[in-house]
Amino acid sequence: MKITYLIPGSGDNFYCGNCQRDTLYVSWLKKIENIEVSAIPLYLPPGDKNFGGELENEVFFGAVSLYLKEKVPLFRSMPTFVDRLLDSPSLLNFAAKQAGTTNPIGLEETTLSMIRTNDPSREKEISRLAKFIHDSGGTDIIHISNALIMGVAVQLKKVLGKPVVCSLQNEDDWIDEMKEPYGTMAWQLISAEEKHIDLFITTSHYFKKLIISKTGISEDKIYVVPSALEVVRDRKLYNSSEAPSIGYYSRLNKMNGLDKIIDAYIIIRKRNTHPGLKLHLSGGYTSDEKGFIKEQTTKLKKEGLENDVILYNAFSGAQKQSFFNSIDLLSVPVRKHDAYGLYLLEAISSAVPVVQPHTGAFPEIVESTKGGVTYTPDTVEKLAETLDELLNDREKLHKIGLAGRETISQNLTPKAMALGLIEVYKKLTKTL
């Protein structure tokens, strides 16, 4: 079975759960016998921090030319060589570092355009992509990363005559930040165009229900395949002589609750119940977040705590594991209702318990892994109280982490995830 996976890039200057999910899918599908996968980037080249060597080098629907064609009609009739110049590696890498690529404001029309399944302006690039796939050995399944690019997939389906599978995760993050009436239009457009997609895959029952409520997609058309990670066995042993540490591992921004974890940390430090308590942060950020991060730094300096907060500049590789080995528990108190939260599996697979608000898919993850707790109401005060109580018994906390890691090693293995994906593919093809 040959699978073509279309992945929109977002650069590599912050932790992206969707990017991590996609690379997990691709890397583990490649390990299954008789499965071939070609991962093709759209918009931007995802960085090595997320994908390593899993992607093709060629980028389609480059962000620079796509944006200019949307904003300046003259660019729509430019010859092919101009597109190639605009989407040169140097320009795309520059675009990937800009905050605007992760913000829907100003990109509403482009978003709607990429959802529509009958946009004639894409025909030239669709033909180039179809030829690339054909010359690379063809495909049996077209799998797209999210519903915001379903228009591209459907046009490609018409050319290649192959079925389309669409992943669903966190589309609401982008759509709900769009200016009205564009946000409403985006949901309506997905609802109208979903008939062209053969099957959908999502990571949680929570998000399946949310998508059905937003779009009316049939329940029988959406399959839940939870994400999974390999467990890390070199977790350091609990050491009561070291000062405890709280960890935060996600993009460093307001939406993900960086200010909430910092405020909770300040509350606990003022109580002085855990002398020397540290706060470790990892996940990266865009230029848009610099002002917000400066506000948080100022807040910590005012309390005299800036030297007890450690920022990890890298969020992958050896430094990622060093981060997880340095903390007793992890909390990412997001303001949104998250579709999954792969950062939680990152922690639990390293035997680090998680503390999350009782929202979105978090209760589902905590229940299935036994690797942490949820709290309600979702307030800074309740977060501080929950963290404080758990840190009172670090030995018990460590045992919770080990139990969570063991549950993942038995029930949420990457191989099981890959086989779950293949079972969905098999519903659309007889190829083994």
Protein backbone atom coordinates (compact mmCIF):
# COMPACT_ATOMS: atom_id res chain seq x y z
CA MET A 1 0.00 0.00 0.00
CA LYS A 2 1.34 3.41 -1.00
CA ILE A 3 0.30 6.48 0.96
CA THR A 4 0.88 10.11 0.04
CA TYR A 5 0.76 12.34 3.12
CA LEU A 6 0.28 16.08 2.57
CA ILE A 7 1.58 18.16 5.49
CA PRO A 8 1.38 21.96 5.85
CA GLY A 9 4.61 23.29 7.32
CA SER A 10 4.77 25.91 10.06
CA GLY A 11 8.51 26.32 10.58
CA ASP A 12 10.43 24.95 13.55
CA ASN A 13 10.67 27.82 16.04
CA PHE A 14 7.99 26.46 18.38
CA TYR A 15 6.57 23.11 19.48
CA CYS A 16 3.71 22.11 17.18
CA GLY A 17 1.56 19.20 18.33
CA ASN A 18 0.03 18.74 14.88
CA CYS A 19 3.46 18.61 13.26
CA GLN A 20 4.59 16.10 15.85
CA ARG A 21 1.50 13.97 15.23
CA ASP A 22 2.13 14.00 11.49
CA THR A 23 5.75 12.95 11.78
CA LEU A 24 4.74 10.15 14.16
CA TYR A 25 2.24 8.89 11.60
CA VAL A 26 4.76 9.00 8.77
CA SER A 27 7.75 7.57 10.63
CA TRP A 28 5.80 4.64 12.10
CA LEU A 29 3.83 3.81 8.97
CA LYS A 30 7.19 3.42 7.23
CA LYS A 31 8.10 0.69 9.73
CA ILE A 32 5.10 -1.48 8.80
CA GLU A 33 5.75 -4.20 6.25
CA ASN A 34 4.34 -3.59 2.74
CA ILE A 35 3.62 0.08 3.49
CA GLU A 36 5.25 2.91 1.54
CA VAL A 37 4.81 6.54 2.58
CA SER A 38 5.73 9.74 0.80
CA ALA A 39 5.36 12.86 2.98
CA ILE A 40 5.04 16.05 0.95
CA PRO A 41 5.15 19.54 2.53
CA LEU A 42 2.76 22.34 1.59
CA TYR A 43 3.24 26.07 2.25
CA LEU A 44 6.50 25.89 4.19
CA PRO A 45 9.29 23.39 4.82
CA PRO A 46 8.72 21.98 8.35
CA GLY A 47 11.98 22.14 10.25
CA ASP A 48 14.24 19.34 11.45
CA LYS A 49 13.02 19.82 15.03
CA ASN A 50 9.70 18.35 13.98
CA PHE A 51 10.39 16.08 11.04
CA GLY A 52 14.04 15.18 10.71
CA GLY A 53 14.44 13.49 7.31
CA GLU A 54 10.86 12.26 6.89
CA LEU A 55 9.76 14.78 4.22
CA GLU A 56 10.34 15.22 0.52
CA ASN A 57 12.48 18.25 -0.31
CA GLU A 58 9.98 19.73 -2.77
CA VAL A 59 7.45 22.21 -1.33
CA PHE A 60 4.08 22.67 -3.08
CA PHE A 61 1.67 25.59 -2.82
CA GLY A 62 4.52 27.68 -1.42
CA ALA A 63 3.39 30.21 1.16
CA VAL A 64 4.97 33.24 -0.52
CA SER A 65 3.46 32.80 -3.98
CA LEU A 66 0.13 31.62 -2.50
CA TYR A 67 -0.14 34.73 -0.35
CA LEU A 68 0.79 37.11 -3.16
CA LYS A 69 -1.69 35.50 -5.57
CA GLU A 70 -4.44 35.98 -3.00
CA LYS A 71 -3.57 39.61 -2.31
CA VAL A 72 -2.36 40.78 -5.74
CA PRO A 73 -4.34 39.45 -8.75
CA LEU A 74 -1.43 40.25 -11.11
CA PHE A 75 0.58 37.38 -9.58
CA ARG A 76 -2.08 34.84 -10.59
CA SER A 77 -1.00 35.05 -14.22
CA MET A 78 2.73 35.03 -13.62
CA PRO A 79 4.78 32.34 -15.42
CA THR A 80 5.92 29.23 -13.56
CA PHE A 81 9.51 30.39 -13.13
CA VAL A 82 8.27 33.37 -11.05
CA ASP A 83 6.47 30.96 -8.70
CA ARG A 84 9.69 28.99 -8.29
CA LEU A 85 11.61 32.17 -7.50
CA LEU A 86 9.04 33.28 -4.92
CA ASP A 87 9.08 29.83 -3.32
CA SER A 88 12.84 29.40 -3.23
CA PRO A 89 14.17 27.70 -0.08
CA SER A 90 15.62 30.96 1.23
CA LEU A 91 12.32 32.87 0.97
CA LEU A 92 10.28 30.00 2.40
CA ASN A 93 12.65 29.60 5.33
CA PHE A 94 12.40 33.34 5.98
CA ALA A 95 8.58 33.15 5.83
CA ALA A 96 8.59 30.22 8.27
CA LYS A 97 10.19 32.43 10.92
CA GLN A 98 7.48 35.09 10.68
CA ALA A 99 4.75 35.13 13.32
CA GLY A 100 2.07 35.83 10.74
CA THR A 101 2.29 32.30 9.37
CA THR A 102 0.71 30.99 12.60
CA ASN A 103 -1.99 33.68 12.83
CA PRO A 104 -5.20 33.57 10.72
CA ILE A 105 -5.73 37.35 10.75
CA GLY A 106 -5.18 38.52 7.18
CA LEU A 107 -5.26 34.95 5.84
CA GLU A 108 -9.01 34.42 6.00
CA GLU A 109 -9.57 34.48 2.22
CA THR A 110 -6.62 32.15 1.66
CA THR A 111 -8.01 29.74 4.25
CA LEU A 112 -11.42 29.64 2.57
CA SER A 113 -9.76 29.21 -0.80
CA MET A 114 -7.81 26.15 0.37
CA ILE A 115 -10.98 24.53 1.76
CA ARG A 116 -12.95 25.01 -1.48
CA THR A 117 -12.76 21.98 -3.75
CA ASN A 118 -13.32 23.70 -7.11
CA ASP A 119 -10.78 26.54 -7.21
CA PRO A 120 -9.43 26.78 -10.80
CA SER A 121 -6.47 28.93 -9.70
CA ARG A 122 -4.86 25.81 -8.20
CA GLU A 123 -4.93 23.69 -11.36
CA LYS A 124 -1.34 24.43 -12.39
CA GLU A 125 0.08 23.53 -8.99
CA ILE A 126 -2.23 20.50 -8.70
CA SER A 127 -0.86 19.24 -12.02
CA ARG A 128 2.71 19.73 -10.79
CA LEU A 129 1.94 17.87 -7.54
CA ALA A 130 0.14 15.05 -9.38
CA LYS A 131 3.11 14.62 -11.73
CA PHE A 132 5.50 14.53 -8.77
CA ILE A 133 3.43 11.78 -7.12
CA HIS A 134 3.16 9.84 -10.39
CA ASP A 135 6.89 10.07 -11.08
CA SER A 136 7.58 8.93 -7.50
CA GLY A 137 5.70 5.68 -8.01
CA GLY A 138 2.07 6.73 -7.64
CA THR A 139 -0.17 6.27 -4.60
CA ASP A 140 -3.13 4.27 -3.26
CA ILE A 141 -4.26 6.74 -0.59
CA ILE A 142 -4.02 10.52 -0.28
CA HIS A 143 -3.88 11.47 3.43
CA ILE A 144 -4.09 15.16 4.34
CA SER A 145 -3.04 16.62 7.68
CA ASN A 146 -6.19 18.68 8.35
CA ALA A 147 -9.49 19.88 6.94
CA LEU A 148 -8.12 23.35 6.13
CA ILE A 149 -6.46 21.92 2.98
CA MET A 150 -9.29 19.64 1.85
CA GLY A 151 -9.72 21.57 -1.40
CA VAL A 152 -6.22 20.67 -2.55
CA ALA A 153 -6.78 17.01 -1.72
CA VAL A 154 -10.09 16.79 -3.54
CA GLN A 155 -8.66 18.36 -6.71
CA LEU A 156 -5.73 15.95 -6.48
CA LYS A 157 -8.20 13.08 -6.03
CA LYS A 158 -9.93 14.07 -9.28
CA VAL A 159 -6.63 13.96 -11.20
CA LEU A 160 -5.21 10.77 -9.66
CA GLY A 161 -8.48 8.92 -9.05
CA LYS A 162 -7.46 7.91 -5.50
CA PRO A 163 -9.42 8.15 -2.23
CA VAL A 164 -8.72 10.84 0.37
CA VAL A 165 -8.36 10.44 4.14
CA CYS A 166 -8.35 13.62 6.24
CA SER A 167 -6.95 14.01 9.75
CA LEU A 168 -8.85 16.26 12.15
CA GLN A 169 -7.08 18.01 15.00
CA ASN A 170 -7.26 21.59 16.23
CA GLU A 171 -8.88 23.12 13.15
CA ASP A 172 -10.96 25.07 15.66
CA ASP A 173 -7.81 26.82 16.96
CA TRP A 174 -7.34 28.49 13.57
CA ILE A 175 -10.97 28.94 12.51
CA ASP A 176 -12.23 30.37 15.79
CA GLU A 177 -9.55 33.08 15.68
CA MET A 178 -10.61 34.21 12.21
CA LYS A 179 -12.54 37.44 11.90
CA GLU A 180 -16.26 37.07 11.34
CA PRO A 181 -17.97 36.23 9.14
CA TYR A 182 -14.96 34.20 7.92
CA GLY A 183 -14.92 31.80 10.86
CA THR A 184 -18.57 30.88 10.38
CA MET A 185 -18.00 30.62 6.64
CA ALA A 186 -15.07 28.23 7.16
CA TRP A 187 -17.17 25.81 9.23
CA GLN A 188 -20.00 26.04 6.71
CA LEU A 189 -17.58 25.38 3.86
CA ILE A 190 -16.10 22.30 5.54
CA SER A 191 -19.66 21.07 6.10
CA ALA A 192 -20.51 21.58 2.42
CA GLU A 193 -17.29 20.06 1.06
CA GLU A 194 -16.84 17.08 3.42
CA LYS A 195 -18.80 14.84 1.02
CA HIS A 196 -15.70 14.80 -1.21
CA ILE A 197 -13.54 13.30 1.56
CA ASP A 198 -13.80 9.51 1.88
CA LEU A 199 -12.97 9.12 5.59
CA PHE A 200 -11.75 11.22 8.52
CA ILE A 201 -9.36 10.35 11.36
CA THR A 202 -9.10 12.16 14.68
CA THR A 203 -7.16 11.58 17.88
CA SER A 204 -9.90 11.78 20.52
CA HIS A 205 -13.60 11.11 21.05
CA TYR A 206 -13.89 14.65 22.39
CA PHE A 207 -12.77 16.17 19.09
CA LYS A 208 -14.90 13.79 17.06
CA LYS A 209 -17.98 15.08 18.90
CA LEU A 210 -16.85 18.70 18.46
CA ILE A 211 -16.34 18.31 14.71
CA ILE A 212 -19.75 16.65 14.32
CA SER A 213 -21.37 19.56 16.19
CA LYS A 214 -19.56 22.12 14.01
CA THR A 215 -20.00 20.46 10.61
CA GLY A 216 -22.61 17.72 10.75
CA ILE A 217 -20.18 15.11 9.38
CA SER A 218 -21.62 11.63 9.90
CA GLU A 219 -20.37 9.85 13.01
CA ASP A 220 -19.69 6.73 10.94
CA LYS A 221 -17.31 8.66 8.72
CA ILE A 222 -14.90 9.69 11.53
CA TYR A 223 -12.52 7.17 13.10
CA VAL A 224 -10.64 7.74 16.36
CA VAL A 225 -6.97 6.69 16.29
CA PRO A 226 -5.18 8.02 19.39
CA SER A 227 -1.65 9.34 18.96
CA ALA A 228 1.12 7.35 20.63
CA LEU A 229 4.76 7.66 21.63
CA GLU A 230 7.60 5.35 22.49
CA VAL A 231 8.28 5.26 26.21
CA VAL A 232 11.55 6.59 27.59
CA ARG A 233 13.22 4.13 29.97
CA ASP A 234 16.13 6.25 31.20
CA ARG A 235 14.01 8.46 33.47
CA LYS A 236 16.06 9.41 36.52
CA LEU A 237 14.94 8.02 39.89
CA TYR A 238 13.14 10.16 42.43
CA ASN A 239 15.60 12.09 44.61
CA SER A 240 14.18 13.80 47.70
CA SER A 241 17.36 15.84 48.24
CA GLU A 242 16.79 17.92 45.11
CA ALA A 243 14.47 20.93 45.01
CA PRO A 244 11.22 20.03 43.19
CA SER A 245 10.46 21.35 39.71
CA ILE A 246 7.30 22.06 37.74
CA GLY A 247 7.50 21.80 33.95
CA TYR A 248 5.66 23.45 31.04
CA TYR A 249 6.18 22.00 27.53
CA SER A 250 4.35 23.70 24.69
CA ARG A 251 4.43 26.87 22.63
CA LEU A 252 5.16 29.75 25.01
CA ASN A 253 2.06 31.87 24.54
CA LYS A 254 -1.10 33.07 26.24
CA MET A 255 -3.41 30.60 24.51
CA ASN A 256 -1.46 27.71 26.02
CA GLY A 257 -1.56 29.29 29.47
CA LEU A 258 2.07 30.26 30.05
CA ASP A 259 0.92 33.15 32.25
CA LYS A 260 -1.37 30.83 34.21
CA ILE A 261 1.41 28.39 35.11
CA ILE A 262 3.65 31.31 36.08
CA ASP A 263 0.93 32.85 38.27
CA ALA A 264 0.31 29.47 39.94
CA TYR A 265 4.05 29.08 40.50
CA ILE A 266 4.23 32.51 42.15
CA ILE A 267 1.32 31.60 44.46
CA ILE A 268 3.08 28.41 45.59
CA ARG A 269 6.39 30.19 46.13
CA LYS A 270 4.67 32.82 48.28
CA ARG A 271 3.28 30.02 50.44
CA ASN A 272 6.85 28.70 50.86
CA THR A 273 5.54 25.13 51.09
CA HIS A 274 8.27 23.87 48.74
CA PRO A 275 11.50 25.83 49.29
CA GLY A 276 13.58 26.23 46.17
CA LEU A 277 10.77 25.12 43.86
CA LYS A 278 11.79 25.59 40.21
CA LEU A 279 9.78 26.21 37.04
CA HIS A 280 11.20 24.77 33.79
CA LEU A 281 9.84 26.03 30.46
CA SER A 282 10.27 24.59 26.97
CA GLY A 283 8.47 24.92 23.66
CA GLY A 284 9.71 27.94 21.71
CA TYR A 285 7.76 30.94 20.42
CA THR A 286 7.28 33.30 17.47
CA SER A 287 8.07 37.01 17.29
CA ASP A 288 4.40 37.72 18.11
CA GLU A 289 4.93 36.27 21.59
CA LYS A 290 7.98 38.31 22.56
CA GLY A 291 5.99 41.11 24.22
CA PHE A 292 3.88 38.63 26.17
CA ILE A 293 6.96 36.71 27.32
CA LYS A 294 8.59 39.97 28.42
CA GLU A 295 5.52 40.67 30.58
CA GLN A 296 5.91 37.29 32.26
CA THR A 297 9.63 37.86 32.83
CA THR A 298 8.88 41.23 34.43
CA LYS A 299 6.32 39.57 36.70
CA LEU A 300 8.88 37.01 37.88
CA LYS A 301 11.55 39.65 38.43
CA LYS A 302 9.15 41.64 40.58
CA GLU A 303 8.79 38.60 42.86
CA GLY A 304 12.54 37.90 42.82
CA LEU A 305 12.01 34.52 41.13
CA GLU A 306 13.62 35.02 37.73
CA ASN A 307 16.66 32.90 38.67
CA ASP A 308 14.44 29.96 39.63
CA VAL A 309 12.78 29.79 36.21
CA ILE A 310 14.80 27.90 33.59
CA LEU A 311 14.11 28.26 29.86
CA TYR A 312 15.16 25.40 27.56
CA ASN A 313 16.01 26.82 24.16
CA ALA A 314 15.58 23.49 22.33
CA PHE A 315 12.49 21.33 22.52
CA SER A 316 13.72 18.21 20.75
CA GLY A 317 16.51 15.66 20.92
CA ALA A 318 18.78 15.36 23.93
CA GLN A 319 17.70 18.69 25.44
CA LYS A 320 14.07 17.57 25.37
CA GLN A 321 14.89 14.51 27.43
CA SER A 322 17.07 16.58 29.73
CA PHE A 323 14.03 18.80 30.29
CA PHE A 324 11.75 15.89 31.21
CA ASN A 325 14.41 14.39 33.47
CA SER A 326 14.57 17.69 35.36
CA ILE A 327 10.91 17.99 36.37
CA ASP A 328 8.60 16.27 38.86
CA LEU A 329 5.36 17.00 37.00
CA LEU A 330 4.11 18.92 33.98
CA SER A 331 1.22 21.29 33.42
CA VAL A 332 0.12 23.16 30.29
CA PRO A 333 -3.04 25.00 31.47
CA VAL A 334 -4.35 25.91 28.03
CA ARG A 335 -7.24 28.34 27.63
CA LYS A 336 -8.66 26.44 24.65
CA HIS A 337 -10.33 23.03 24.81
CA ASP A 338 -7.58 20.97 23.21
CA ALA A 339 -8.29 18.16 20.75
CA TYR A 340 -5.57 15.99 22.29
CA GLY A 341 -2.44 17.58 23.69
CA LEU A 342 0.43 15.44 22.46
CA TYR A 343 2.70 17.26 24.91
CA LEU A 344 0.95 15.25 27.65
CA LEU A 345 2.04 11.99 26.05
CA GLU A 346 5.55 13.43 25.74
CA ALA A 347 5.56 13.81 29.53
CA ILE A 348 3.77 10.60 30.50
CA SER A 349 5.96 8.48 28.20
CA SER A 350 8.92 9.89 30.18
CA ALA A 351 7.28 8.93 33.51
CA VAL A 352 6.32 12.54 34.30
CA PRO A 353 2.78 12.98 35.71
CA VAL A 354 0.56 15.68 34.18
CA VAL A 355 -1.79 18.18 35.81
CA GLN A 356 -4.43 19.58 33.43
CA PRO A 357 -7.73 21.46 33.56
CA HIS A 358 -10.74 19.17 33.20
CA THR A 359 -11.45 20.40 29.67
CA GLY A 360 -11.33 19.16 26.08
CA ALA A 361 -9.65 15.79 25.58
CA PHE A 362 -7.61 15.99 28.81
CA PRO A 363 -9.97 13.85 30.94
CA GLU A 364 -9.91 11.25 28.15
CA ILE A 365 -6.10 11.17 28.07
CA VAL A 366 -5.64 11.09 31.83
CA GLU A 367 -8.22 8.32 32.19
CA SER A 368 -6.69 6.19 29.43
CA THR A 369 -3.09 6.58 30.62
CA LYS A 370 -3.53 6.86 34.42
CA GLY A 371 -0.62 9.30 34.16
CA GLY A 372 -1.89 12.35 36.01
CA VAL A 373 -4.86 14.31 37.30
CA THR A 374 -7.31 16.93 36.08
CA TYR A 375 -8.71 19.79 38.14
CA THR A 376 -11.82 21.92 38.13
CA PRO A 377 -12.69 24.75 38.10
CA ASP A 378 -10.13 25.94 35.58
CA THR A 379 -8.63 28.73 37.69
CA VAL A 380 -5.08 29.69 38.60
CA GLU A 381 -5.93 29.23 42.26
CA LYS A 382 -7.14 25.66 41.74
CA LEU A 383 -4.08 24.89 39.61
CA ALA A 384 -1.78 26.16 42.34
CA GLU A 385 -3.67 24.16 44.97
CA THR A 386 -3.47 20.94 42.90
CA LEU A 387 0.24 21.34 42.15
CA ASP A 388 0.96 22.12 45.79
CA GLU A 389 -0.86 19.02 47.04
CA LEU A 390 0.85 16.69 44.57
CA LEU A 391 4.31 18.04 45.38
CA ASN A 392 3.75 17.21 49.05
CA ASP A 393 4.43 13.55 48.24
CA ARG A 394 7.04 13.39 45.50
CA GLU A 395 7.59 9.66 45.93
CA LYS A 396 3.90 9.02 45.23
CA LEU A 397 4.10 11.47 42.33
CA HIS A 398 6.98 9.51 40.84
CA LYS A 399 4.99 6.27 41.14
CA ILE A 400 2.10 7.87 39.24
CA GLY A 401 4.57 8.77 36.49
CA LEU A 402 5.91 5.23 36.29
CA ALA A 403 2.37 3.81 36.17
CA GLY A 404 1.44 6.18 33.34
CA ARG A 405 4.54 5.25 31.36
CA GLU A 406 3.76 1.56 31.78
CA THR A 407 0.18 2.06 30.59
CA ILE A 408 1.44 3.80 27.46
CA SER A 409 3.96 1.03 26.80
CA GLN A 410 1.13 -1.51 26.85
CA ASN A 411 -1.82 0.31 25.31
CA LEU A 412 -0.61 3.33 23.31
CA THR A 413 2.31 2.05 21.28
CA PRO A 414 3.30 3.75 18.03
CA LYS A 415 3.00 0.43 16.20
CA ALA A 416 -0.60 0.05 17.39
CA MET A 417 -1.26 3.62 16.20
CA ALA A 418 0.19 2.83 12.76
CA LEU A 419 -1.85 -0.36 12.48
CA GLY A 420 -4.95 1.63 13.45
CA LEU A 421 -4.29 4.02 10.56
CA ILE A 422 -3.82 1.12 8.17
CA GLU A 423 -7.15 -0.40 9.22
CA VAL A 424 -8.82 2.87 8.19
CA TYR A 425 -6.95 2.87 4.86
CA LYS A 426 -8.05 -0.71 4.18
CA LYS A 427 -11.66 0.41 4.24
CA LEU A 428 -10.92 2.30 1.03
CA THR A 429 -8.61 -0.09 -0.80
CA LYS A 430 -8.06 -3.82 -1.15
CA THR A 431 -4.28 -3.29 -1.29
CA LEU A 432 -2.40 -4.97 1.59
